[in-house]
Each structure stands twice: as structure tokens, then as C-alpha cells.
């Protein structure tokens, strides 16, 4: 019986055939999917607690309804799957990073690995911000909108799709500082470029906020403000870090 061997990370500049690259990619995908499968039994076991946790943003007295025989089961599976994906995210990011690392110079690999760790923390911060700040106001506004005109019933599958998508979207958007700093570190962008295009950046930030699942004006306001703060913070951090990196680049150029 063949034993499973974890993929070996290639060294910078090490050559490999297309078949070897595809084999490594397949193995890393299997590890990522395996981590998701490993977490799913646990998240499904505690799905009742997860469902209750996601229902807390609902206004007091509101209950969810289901239609059809299978909806309660598949709704719980959906919630458990999203929770397993959130728990498996560090493993997935590590596998992605390990696959891409050989394409970078060796001294950049430590930087990118740090960015991956910070990205995980920022994702968690974005999810927490969405859950405690954005969702209670957004859900309250949406489910009570024109309540005197309609008999509003909230379908469970639609509600949990909306909530989980909003949480994940906010978690991804909160990683903006890491994304911009990584581009500066890799010399794709510069701090001066970000400063010169600040207005365009603000427009894109607002556009991203509008495209998030929470479409009401209340949640849009609470989403836009922290994103603008993160964007401005990214510019200031890029200015500070770029100066340090420029000294490192100059020292490396002298050594060469």
C-alpha cells in the first residue's frame, strides 16, 4: 500500500518538470481539501451552536422558517461547511504559499510567510467586525423594512447564505493592508503611486463596500468607514516600510 508523502517545497531557482509541478499542485490541493474534510465533522457536530450564534443578529422575536423536507438538513450542512472552511483557512493559505514560494527570491519568502500569518488575523478581525458591528444593524434594517406592508417571513437557507457570505466578504476585504503592502514589497506598487492615486483608491474602496452583500445604507456606512481607515493606514505603512526595504535593496545591490 502506497504511503502518503507530503509535498517537498522547491528551493528558489530549483528546476522541476511540468509533471512534478502538477503533482505538487495536486498534493497540496488534496491537503487543503483534506483539512476541510477534517474540520467538517467537528463543525457539523456543533452545528446547533453555530446556527444559534448566526441567528443572534436577528431582531428579538424574529424566527426563521424552512420550506421542504430537506431544507433543515442542508441548511445545517451549509453552515457547518462555511465554518470548516474558516477553520481550514490557515492550512489552505499555507499550501498556496508553499506552492508559490519557489517563484520568489529566498529573502522574500520570510516576508510573504509573515504576510500570510497577518492575513489570517486580519480575516478573523473582519469577520468579528461584520458579526458584532455590521450584521446586527443590517439585519435589523432589512427585516423590518416596510414591515407594515408585508407579512415578513425569513427563510433559513436565504438568511444563512446572506450572513455567511457577508462574514466571508468582510474578512477578505479586511486583508487589504496585507495585499497592498505585499505589492509594495514585491515592487509592483510604490508608496508614491498609492499617494498619487489616493482619490481613485477611495473610489474603489467605496465601490467594494457597495458590492458587499449587505446592500442597505446603514451597513454601507459602517462598512465604508473602517475600509477607508484601513486604506489610509495601508498608505502610511507602505511609506514607512518602503524606506526600510529600500535600504535592504541597496545593501543587496552593493553585495552583488
C-alpha atoms as a PDB file:
ATOM      1  CA  UNK A   1       0.000   0.000   0.000  1.00  0.00           C
ATOM      2  CA  UNK A   2       1.453   3.349  -1.074  1.00  0.00           C
ATOM      3  CA  UNK A   3       2.182   5.759   1.749  1.00  0.00           C
ATOM      4  CA  UNK A   4       1.240   9.409   1.527  1.00  0.00           C
ATOM      5  CA  UNK A   5       4.220  11.707   1.265  1.00  0.00           C
ATOM      6  CA  UNK A   6       3.830  15.407   1.981  1.00  0.00           C
ATOM      7  CA  UNK A   7       4.973  17.637  -0.873  1.00  0.00           C
ATOM      8  CA  UNK A   8       8.503  18.992  -0.746  1.00  0.00           C
ATOM      9  CA  UNK A   9       8.853  22.732  -1.234  1.00  0.00           C
ATOM     10  CA  UNK A  10      11.199  23.515  -4.118  1.00  0.00           C
ATOM     11  CA  UNK A  11      14.152  25.773  -3.449  1.00  0.00           C
ATOM     12  CA  UNK A  12      14.368  29.122  -5.307  1.00  0.00           C
ATOM     13  CA  UNK A  13      15.848  28.505  -8.739  1.00  0.00           C
ATOM     14  CA  UNK A  14      15.415  24.724  -8.499  1.00  0.00           C
ATOM     15  CA  UNK A  15      14.138  23.304 -11.759  1.00  0.00           C
ATOM     16  CA  UNK A  16      11.225  20.888 -11.979  1.00  0.00           C
ATOM     17  CA  UNK A  17       9.273  19.344 -14.807  1.00  0.00           C
ATOM     18  CA  UNK A  18       5.668  20.209 -15.595  1.00  0.00           C
ATOM     19  CA  UNK A  19       4.599  16.800 -14.325  1.00  0.00           C
ATOM     20  CA  UNK A  20       6.369  17.440 -11.000  1.00  0.00           C
ATOM     21  CA  UNK A  21       4.681  20.843 -10.654  1.00  0.00           C
ATOM     22  CA  UNK A  22       1.277  19.334 -11.418  1.00  0.00           C
ATOM     23  CA  UNK A  23       1.945  16.533  -8.959  1.00  0.00           C
ATOM     24  CA  UNK A  24       2.847  19.023  -6.235  1.00  0.00           C
ATOM     25  CA  UNK A  25      -0.234  21.117  -7.025  1.00  0.00           C
ATOM     26  CA  UNK A  26      -2.464  18.053  -6.833  1.00  0.00           C
ATOM     27  CA  UNK A  27      -0.974  17.031  -3.488  1.00  0.00           C
ATOM     28  CA  UNK A  28      -1.374  20.491  -1.999  1.00  0.00           C
ATOM     29  CA  UNK A  29      -4.972  20.663  -3.211  1.00  0.00           C
ATOM     30  CA  UNK A  30      -5.611  17.296  -1.567  1.00  0.00           C
ATOM     31  CA  UNK A  31      -4.099  18.567   1.689  1.00  0.00           C
ATOM     32  CA  UNK A  32      -6.290  21.689   1.556  1.00  0.00           C
ATOM     33  CA  UNK A  33      -9.411  19.622   0.847  1.00  0.00           C
ATOM     34  CA  UNK A  34      -8.340  17.130   3.491  1.00  0.00           C
ATOM     35  CA  UNK A  35      -8.124  19.869   6.123  1.00  0.00           C
ATOM     36  CA  UNK A  36     -11.620  20.975   5.144  1.00  0.00           C
ATOM     37  CA  UNK A  37     -12.875  17.408   5.431  1.00  0.00           C
ATOM     38  CA  UNK A  38     -11.125  17.008   8.788  1.00  0.00           C
ATOM     39  CA  UNK A  39     -12.796  20.060  10.297  1.00  0.00           C
ATOM     40  CA  UNK A  40     -16.264  19.363   8.856  1.00  0.00           C
ATOM     41  CA  UNK A  41     -17.257  16.527  11.259  1.00  0.00           C
ATOM     42  CA  UNK A  42     -16.483  18.782  14.215  1.00  0.00           C
ATOM     43  CA  UNK A  43     -18.340  21.802  12.811  1.00  0.00           C
ATOM     44  CA  UNK A  44     -21.331  19.627  11.901  1.00  0.00           C
ATOM     45  CA  UNK A  45     -21.319  18.167  15.410  1.00  0.00           C
ATOM     46  CA  UNK A  46     -21.636  21.696  16.851  1.00  0.00           C
ATOM     47  CA  UNK A  47     -23.904  22.994  14.058  1.00  0.00           C
ATOM     48  CA  UNK A  48     -26.715  23.762  16.514  1.00  0.00           C
ATOM     49  CA  UNK A  49     -24.455  26.150  18.419  1.00  0.00           C
ATOM     50  CA  UNK A  50     -23.256  27.670  15.128  1.00  0.00           C
ATOM     51  CA  UNK A  51     -26.827  28.171  13.923  1.00  0.00           C
ATOM     52  CA  UNK A  52     -27.795  29.816  17.220  1.00  0.00           C
ATOM     53  CA  UNK A  53     -24.688  32.031  17.017  1.00  0.00           C
ATOM     54  CA  UNK A  54     -25.537  33.176  13.493  1.00  0.00           C
ATOM     55  CA  UNK A  55     -29.151  33.854  14.489  1.00  0.00           C
ATOM     56  CA  UNK A  56     -28.179  36.352  17.190  1.00  0.00           C
ATOM     57  CA  UNK A  57     -28.104  39.352  14.785  1.00  0.00           C
ATOM     58  CA  UNK A  58     -31.838  38.795  14.195  1.00  0.00           C
ATOM     59  CA  UNK A  59     -34.109  41.293  15.980  1.00  0.00           C
ATOM     60  CA  UNK A  60     -35.726  39.958  19.115  1.00  0.00           C
ATOM     61  CA  UNK A  61     -38.803  37.890  18.410  1.00  0.00           C
ATOM     62  CA  UNK A  62     -37.878  37.037  14.822  1.00  0.00           C
ATOM     63  CA  UNK A  63     -37.675  33.372  13.879  1.00  0.00           C
ATOM     64  CA  UNK A  64     -36.542  31.526  10.788  1.00  0.00           C
ATOM     65  CA  UNK A  65     -38.765  29.281   8.684  1.00  0.00           C
ATOM     66  CA  UNK A  66     -37.950  26.410   6.338  1.00  0.00           C
ATOM     67  CA  UNK A  67     -39.789  25.101   3.282  1.00  0.00           C
ATOM     68  CA  UNK A  68     -39.476  21.496   2.275  1.00  0.00           C
ATOM     69  CA  UNK A  69     -38.387  18.287   3.940  1.00  0.00           C
ATOM     70  CA  UNK A  70     -34.660  18.550   3.261  1.00  0.00           C
ATOM     71  CA  UNK A  71     -34.080  22.261   3.898  1.00  0.00           C
ATOM     72  CA  UNK A  72     -33.292  21.990   7.637  1.00  0.00           C
ATOM     73  CA  UNK A  73     -30.631  19.326   6.977  1.00  0.00           C
ATOM     74  CA  UNK A  74     -28.952  21.032   4.016  1.00  0.00           C
ATOM     75  CA  UNK A  75     -29.040  24.397   5.764  1.00  0.00           C
ATOM     76  CA  UNK A  76     -27.128  22.902   8.689  1.00  0.00           C
ATOM     77  CA  UNK A  77     -24.660  21.295   6.270  1.00  0.00           C
ATOM     78  CA  UNK A  78     -24.112  24.678   4.588  1.00  0.00           C
ATOM     79  CA  UNK A  79     -23.416  26.384   7.925  1.00  0.00           C
ATOM     80  CA  UNK A  80     -21.041  23.609   9.004  1.00  0.00           C
ATOM     81  CA  UNK A  81     -19.205  23.750   5.667  1.00  0.00           C
ATOM     82  CA  UNK A  82     -18.598  27.505   5.921  1.00  0.00           C
ATOM     83  CA  UNK A  83     -17.358  27.086   9.487  1.00  0.00           C
ATOM     84  CA  UNK A  84     -15.000  24.294   8.411  1.00  0.00           C
ATOM     85  CA  UNK A  85     -13.692  26.498   5.600  1.00  0.00           C
ATOM     86  CA  UNK A  86     -12.963  29.285   8.077  1.00  0.00           C
ATOM     87  CA  UNK A  87     -11.066  26.891  10.378  1.00  0.00           C
ATOM     88  CA  UNK A  88      -9.140  25.387   7.463  1.00  0.00           C
ATOM     89  CA  UNK A  89      -8.169  28.784   6.045  1.00  0.00           C
ATOM     90  CA  UNK A  90      -4.652  28.873   7.625  1.00  0.00           C
ATOM     91  CA  UNK A  91      -3.877  25.453   6.137  1.00  0.00           C
ATOM     92  CA  UNK A  92      -5.206  26.499   2.728  1.00  0.00           C
ATOM     93  CA  UNK A  93      -3.185  29.727   2.762  1.00  0.00           C
ATOM     94  CA  UNK A  94      -0.058  27.847   3.812  1.00  0.00           C
ATOM     95  CA  UNK A  95      -0.433  25.348   0.977  1.00  0.00           C
ATOM     96  CA  UNK A  96      -0.956  28.179  -1.508  1.00  0.00           C
ATOM     97  CA  UNK A  97       2.083  29.992  -0.162  1.00  0.00           C
ATOM     98  CA  UNK A  98       4.238  26.854  -0.233  1.00  0.00           C
ATOM     99  CA  UNK A  99       3.342  26.237  -3.873  1.00  0.00           C
ATOM    100  CA  UNK A 100       4.147  29.819  -4.938  1.00  0.00           C
ATOM    101  CA  UNK A 101       7.222  30.314  -2.717  1.00  0.00           C
ATOM    102  CA  UNK A 102       9.818  28.895  -5.161  1.00  0.00           C
ATOM    103  CA  UNK A 103       8.897  31.614  -7.665  1.00  0.00           C
ATOM    104  CA  UNK A 104      10.165  34.246  -5.201  1.00  0.00           C
ATOM    105  CA  UNK A 105      13.671  35.085  -4.159  1.00  0.00           C
ATOM    106  CA  UNK A 106      14.737  33.380  -0.941  1.00  0.00           C
ATOM    107  CA  UNK A 107      14.916  36.585   1.114  1.00  0.00           C
ATOM    108  CA  UNK A 108      11.305  37.404   0.105  1.00  0.00           C
ATOM    109  CA  UNK A 109       9.912  34.107   1.334  1.00  0.00           C
ATOM    110  CA  UNK A 110      10.119  35.076   5.006  1.00  0.00           C
ATOM    111  CA  UNK A 111       8.255  38.306   4.231  1.00  0.00           C
ATOM    112  CA  UNK A 112       5.459  36.554   2.378  1.00  0.00           C
ATOM    113  CA  UNK A 113       5.091  33.932   5.118  1.00  0.00           C
ATOM    114  CA  UNK A 114       4.637  36.752   7.646  1.00  0.00           C
ATOM    115  CA  UNK A 115       2.058  38.342   5.353  1.00  0.00           C
ATOM    116  CA  UNK A 116       0.138  35.038   5.265  1.00  0.00           C
ATOM    117  CA  UNK A 117       0.027  34.934   9.083  1.00  0.00           C
ATOM    118  CA  UNK A 118      -1.118  38.561   9.312  1.00  0.00           C
ATOM    119  CA  UNK A 119      -3.706  37.967   6.592  1.00  0.00           C
ATOM    120  CA  UNK A 120      -5.247  35.197   8.702  1.00  0.00           C
ATOM    121  CA  UNK A 121      -5.504  37.535  11.708  1.00  0.00           C
ATOM    122  CA  UNK A 122      -6.999  40.322   9.604  1.00  0.00           C
ATOM    123  CA  UNK A 123      -9.538  37.895   8.152  1.00  0.00           C
ATOM    124  CA  UNK A 124     -10.617  36.961  11.672  1.00  0.00           C
ATOM    125  CA  UNK A 125     -10.819  40.657  12.567  1.00  0.00           C
ATOM    126  CA  UNK A 126     -13.008  41.348   9.535  1.00  0.00           C
ATOM    127  CA  UNK A 127     -15.356  38.505  10.419  1.00  0.00           C
ATOM    128  CA  UNK A 128     -15.618  39.756  14.008  1.00  0.00           C
ATOM    129  CA  UNK A 129     -16.296  43.324  12.853  1.00  0.00           C
ATOM    130  CA  UNK A 130     -19.016  42.139  10.462  1.00  0.00           C
ATOM    131  CA  UNK A 131     -20.656  39.978  13.120  1.00  0.00           C
ATOM    132  CA  UNK A 132     -20.639  42.425  16.037  1.00  0.00           C
ATOM    133  CA  UNK A 133     -20.995  45.770  14.232  1.00  0.00           C
ATOM    134  CA  UNK A 134     -22.380  45.431  10.699  1.00  0.00           C
ATOM    135  CA  UNK A 135     -24.782  42.483  10.759  1.00  0.00           C
ATOM    136  CA  UNK A 136     -26.974  43.463  13.747  1.00  0.00           C
ATOM    137  CA  UNK A 137     -27.738  46.832  12.149  1.00  0.00           C
ATOM    138  CA  UNK A 138     -28.026  45.493   8.610  1.00  0.00           C
ATOM    139  CA  UNK A 139     -30.311  42.591   9.517  1.00  0.00           C
ATOM    140  CA  UNK A 140     -32.499  44.767  11.734  1.00  0.00           C
ATOM    141  CA  UNK A 141     -32.909  47.328   8.955  1.00  0.00           C
ATOM    142  CA  UNK A 142     -33.642  44.768   6.245  1.00  0.00           C
ATOM    143  CA  UNK A 143     -36.093  42.509   8.085  1.00  0.00           C
ATOM    144  CA  UNK A 144     -38.092  45.476   9.434  1.00  0.00           C
ATOM    145  CA  UNK A 145     -38.156  47.433   6.182  1.00  0.00           C
ATOM    146  CA  UNK A 146     -41.789  48.157   5.202  1.00  0.00           C
ATOM    147  CA  UNK A 147     -42.930  45.675   7.839  1.00  0.00           C
ATOM    148  CA  UNK A 148     -46.346  47.365   7.861  1.00  0.00           C
ATOM    149  CA  UNK A 149     -46.836  46.377   4.215  1.00  0.00           C
ATOM    150  CA  UNK A 150     -45.676  42.752   4.336  1.00  0.00           C
ATOM    151  CA  UNK A 151     -46.009  39.669   6.461  1.00  0.00           C
ATOM    152  CA  UNK A 152     -42.253  39.101   6.636  1.00  0.00           C
ATOM    153  CA  UNK A 153     -41.069  35.516   6.994  1.00  0.00           C
ATOM    154  CA  UNK A 154     -37.327  34.923   6.984  1.00  0.00           C
ATOM    155  CA  UNK A 155     -36.311  31.748   5.175  1.00  0.00           C
ATOM    156  CA  UNK A 156     -33.486  29.938   6.944  1.00  0.00           C
ATOM    157  CA  UNK A 157     -31.471  28.958   3.857  1.00  0.00           C
ATOM    158  CA  UNK A 158     -31.555  32.504   2.448  1.00  0.00           C
ATOM    159  CA  UNK A 159     -30.686  34.054   5.796  1.00  0.00           C
ATOM    160  CA  UNK A 160     -27.652  31.848   6.445  1.00  0.00           C
ATOM    161  CA  UNK A 161     -26.423  32.310   2.864  1.00  0.00           C
ATOM    162  CA  UNK A 162     -26.625  36.066   3.345  1.00  0.00           C
ATOM    163  CA  UNK A 163     -24.921  36.040   6.756  1.00  0.00           C
ATOM    164  CA  UNK A 164     -22.078  33.669   5.890  1.00  0.00           C
ATOM    165  CA  UNK A 165     -21.355  35.454   2.611  1.00  0.00           C
ATOM    166  CA  UNK A 166     -21.298  38.817   4.398  1.00  0.00           C
ATOM    167  CA  UNK A 167     -18.900  37.476   7.045  1.00  0.00           C
ATOM    168  CA  UNK A 168     -16.511  35.990   4.497  1.00  0.00           C
ATOM    169  CA  UNK A 169     -16.639  39.052   2.249  1.00  0.00           C
ATOM    170  CA  UNK A 170     -15.786  41.390   5.116  1.00  0.00           C
ATOM    171  CA  UNK A 171     -12.985  39.079   6.216  1.00  0.00           C
ATOM    172  CA  UNK A 172     -11.460  39.162   2.726  1.00  0.00           C
ATOM    173  CA  UNK A 173     -11.803  42.934   2.390  1.00  0.00           C
ATOM    174  CA  UNK A 174     -10.048  43.446   5.737  1.00  0.00           C
ATOM    175  CA  UNK A 175      -6.940  41.894   4.195  1.00  0.00           C
ATOM    176  CA  UNK A 176      -6.454  44.979   2.014  1.00  0.00           C
ATOM    177  CA  UNK A 177      -3.411  46.292   4.003  1.00  0.00           C
ATOM    178  CA  UNK A 178      -1.576  42.987   3.564  1.00  0.00           C
ATOM    179  CA  UNK A 179      -2.384  42.918  -0.148  1.00  0.00           C
ATOM    180  CA  UNK A 180      -1.141  46.469  -0.740  1.00  0.00           C
ATOM    181  CA  UNK A 181       1.976  46.037   1.405  1.00  0.00           C
ATOM    182  CA  UNK A 182       2.796  42.798  -0.396  1.00  0.00           C
ATOM    183  CA  UNK A 183       2.588  44.602  -3.754  1.00  0.00           C
ATOM    184  CA  UNK A 184       4.918  47.319  -2.432  1.00  0.00           C
ATOM    185  CA  UNK A 185       7.330  44.733  -1.048  1.00  0.00           C
ATOM    186  CA  UNK A 186       7.392  42.939  -4.401  1.00  0.00           C
ATOM    187  CA  UNK A 187       7.954  46.305  -6.156  1.00  0.00           C
ATOM    188  CA  UNK A 188       4.715  46.081  -8.114  1.00  0.00           C
ATOM    189  CA  UNK A 189       3.477  49.292  -6.443  1.00  0.00           C
ATOM    190  CA  UNK A 190       5.154  52.102  -4.559  1.00  0.00           C
ATOM    191  CA  UNK A 191       4.004  54.324  -1.719  1.00  0.00           C
ATOM    192  CA  UNK A 192       4.193  57.367  -4.025  1.00  0.00           C
ATOM    193  CA  UNK A 193       1.890  55.634  -6.517  1.00  0.00           C
ATOM    194  CA  UNK A 194      -0.644  54.960  -3.766  1.00  0.00           C
ATOM    195  CA  UNK A 195      -0.480  58.592  -2.625  1.00  0.00           C
ATOM    196  CA  UNK A 196      -0.879  59.987  -6.144  1.00  0.00           C
ATOM    197  CA  UNK A 197      -3.884  57.749  -6.754  1.00  0.00           C
ATOM    198  CA  UNK A 198      -5.492  58.225  -3.340  1.00  0.00           C
ATOM    199  CA  UNK A 199      -8.791  59.502  -4.830  1.00  0.00           C
ATOM    200  CA  UNK A 200      -9.008  56.528  -7.161  1.00  0.00           C
ATOM    201  CA  UNK A 201      -8.284  54.243  -4.225  1.00  0.00           C
ATOM    202  CA  UNK A 202     -11.046  55.835  -2.156  1.00  0.00           C
ATOM    203  CA  UNK A 203     -13.463  55.382  -5.059  1.00  0.00           C
ATOM    204  CA  UNK A 204     -12.533  51.697  -5.361  1.00  0.00           C
ATOM    205  CA  UNK A 205     -12.912  51.185  -1.606  1.00  0.00           C
ATOM    206  CA  UNK A 206     -16.412  52.664  -1.677  1.00  0.00           C
ATOM    207  CA  UNK A 207     -17.222  50.572  -4.751  1.00  0.00           C
ATOM    208  CA  UNK A 208     -16.110  47.402  -2.955  1.00  0.00           C
ATOM    209  CA  UNK A 209     -18.271  48.345   0.031  1.00  0.00           C
ATOM    210  CA  UNK A 210     -21.275  48.807  -2.261  1.00  0.00           C
ATOM    211  CA  UNK A 211     -20.662  45.378  -3.826  1.00  0.00           C
ATOM    212  CA  UNK A 212     -20.659  43.619  -0.454  1.00  0.00           C
ATOM    213  CA  UNK A 213     -23.772  41.518   0.295  1.00  0.00           C
ATOM    214  CA  UNK A 214     -25.171  43.980   2.852  1.00  0.00           C
ATOM    215  CA  UNK A 215     -26.791  46.479   0.490  1.00  0.00           C
ATOM    216  CA  UNK A 216     -28.658  48.752   2.892  1.00  0.00           C
ATOM    217  CA  UNK A 217     -27.380  52.291   3.621  1.00  0.00           C
ATOM    218  CA  UNK A 218     -26.876  51.587   7.330  1.00  0.00           C
ATOM    219  CA  UNK A 219     -24.464  48.709   6.824  1.00  0.00           C
ATOM    220  CA  UNK A 220     -22.841  50.506   3.883  1.00  0.00           C
ATOM    221  CA  UNK A 221     -21.878  53.352   6.207  1.00  0.00           C
ATOM    222  CA  UNK A 222     -20.450  51.019   8.867  1.00  0.00           C
ATOM    223  CA  UNK A 223     -18.542  49.074   6.204  1.00  0.00           C
ATOM    224  CA  UNK A 224     -17.092  52.063   4.357  1.00  0.00           C
ATOM    225  CA  UNK A 225     -15.617  53.919   7.335  1.00  0.00           C
ATOM    226  CA  UNK A 226     -13.269  51.133   8.555  1.00  0.00           C
ATOM    227  CA  UNK A 227     -12.293  50.282   4.962  1.00  0.00           C
ATOM    228  CA  UNK A 228     -11.277  53.895   4.326  1.00  0.00           C
ATOM    229  CA  UNK A 229      -9.295  53.871   7.560  1.00  0.00           C
ATOM    230  CA  UNK A 230      -7.581  50.628   6.512  1.00  0.00           C
ATOM    231  CA  UNK A 231      -6.772  52.108   3.098  1.00  0.00           C
ATOM    232  CA  UNK A 232      -5.200  55.222   4.612  1.00  0.00           C
ATOM    233  CA  UNK A 233      -3.337  53.082   7.145  1.00  0.00           C
ATOM    234  CA  UNK A 234      -2.029  50.965   4.255  1.00  0.00           C
ATOM    235  CA  UNK A 235      -0.605  54.064   2.566  1.00  0.00           C
ATOM    236  CA  UNK A 236       1.135  55.232   5.722  1.00  0.00           C
ATOM    237  CA  UNK A 237       2.536  51.764   6.462  1.00  0.00           C
ATOM    238  CA  UNK A 238       3.724  51.457   2.866  1.00  0.00           C
ATOM    239  CA  UNK A 239       5.605  54.767   3.203  1.00  0.00           C
ATOM    240  CA  UNK A 240       7.364  53.628   6.368  1.00  0.00           C
ATOM    241  CA  UNK A 241       8.109  50.070   5.281  1.00  0.00           C
ATOM    242  CA  UNK A 242       9.234  51.027   1.787  1.00  0.00           C
ATOM    243  CA  UNK A 243      12.049  53.148   3.245  1.00  0.00           C
ATOM    244  CA  UNK A 244      13.279  50.174   5.261  1.00  0.00           C
ATOM    245  CA  UNK A 245      13.017  47.846   2.287  1.00  0.00           C
ATOM    246  CA  UNK A 246      14.877  50.334   0.075  1.00  0.00           C
ATOM    247  CA  UNK A 247      17.824  50.197   2.474  1.00  0.00           C
ATOM    248  CA  UNK A 248      17.735  46.395   2.265  1.00  0.00           C
ATOM    249  CA  UNK A 249      17.604  46.510  -1.533  1.00  0.00           C
ATOM    250  CA  UNK A 250      20.543  48.951  -1.602  1.00  0.00           C
ATOM    251  CA  UNK A 251      22.632  46.708   0.666  1.00  0.00           C
ATOM    252  CA  UNK A 252      21.870  43.694  -1.506  1.00  0.00           C
ATOM    253  CA  UNK A 253      22.834  45.633  -4.651  1.00  0.00           C
ATOM    254  CA  UNK A 254      26.198  46.558  -3.087  1.00  0.00           C
ATOM    255  CA  UNK A 255      26.863  42.923  -2.139  1.00  0.00           C
ATOM    256  CA  UNK A 256      26.183  41.845  -5.713  1.00  0.00           C
END
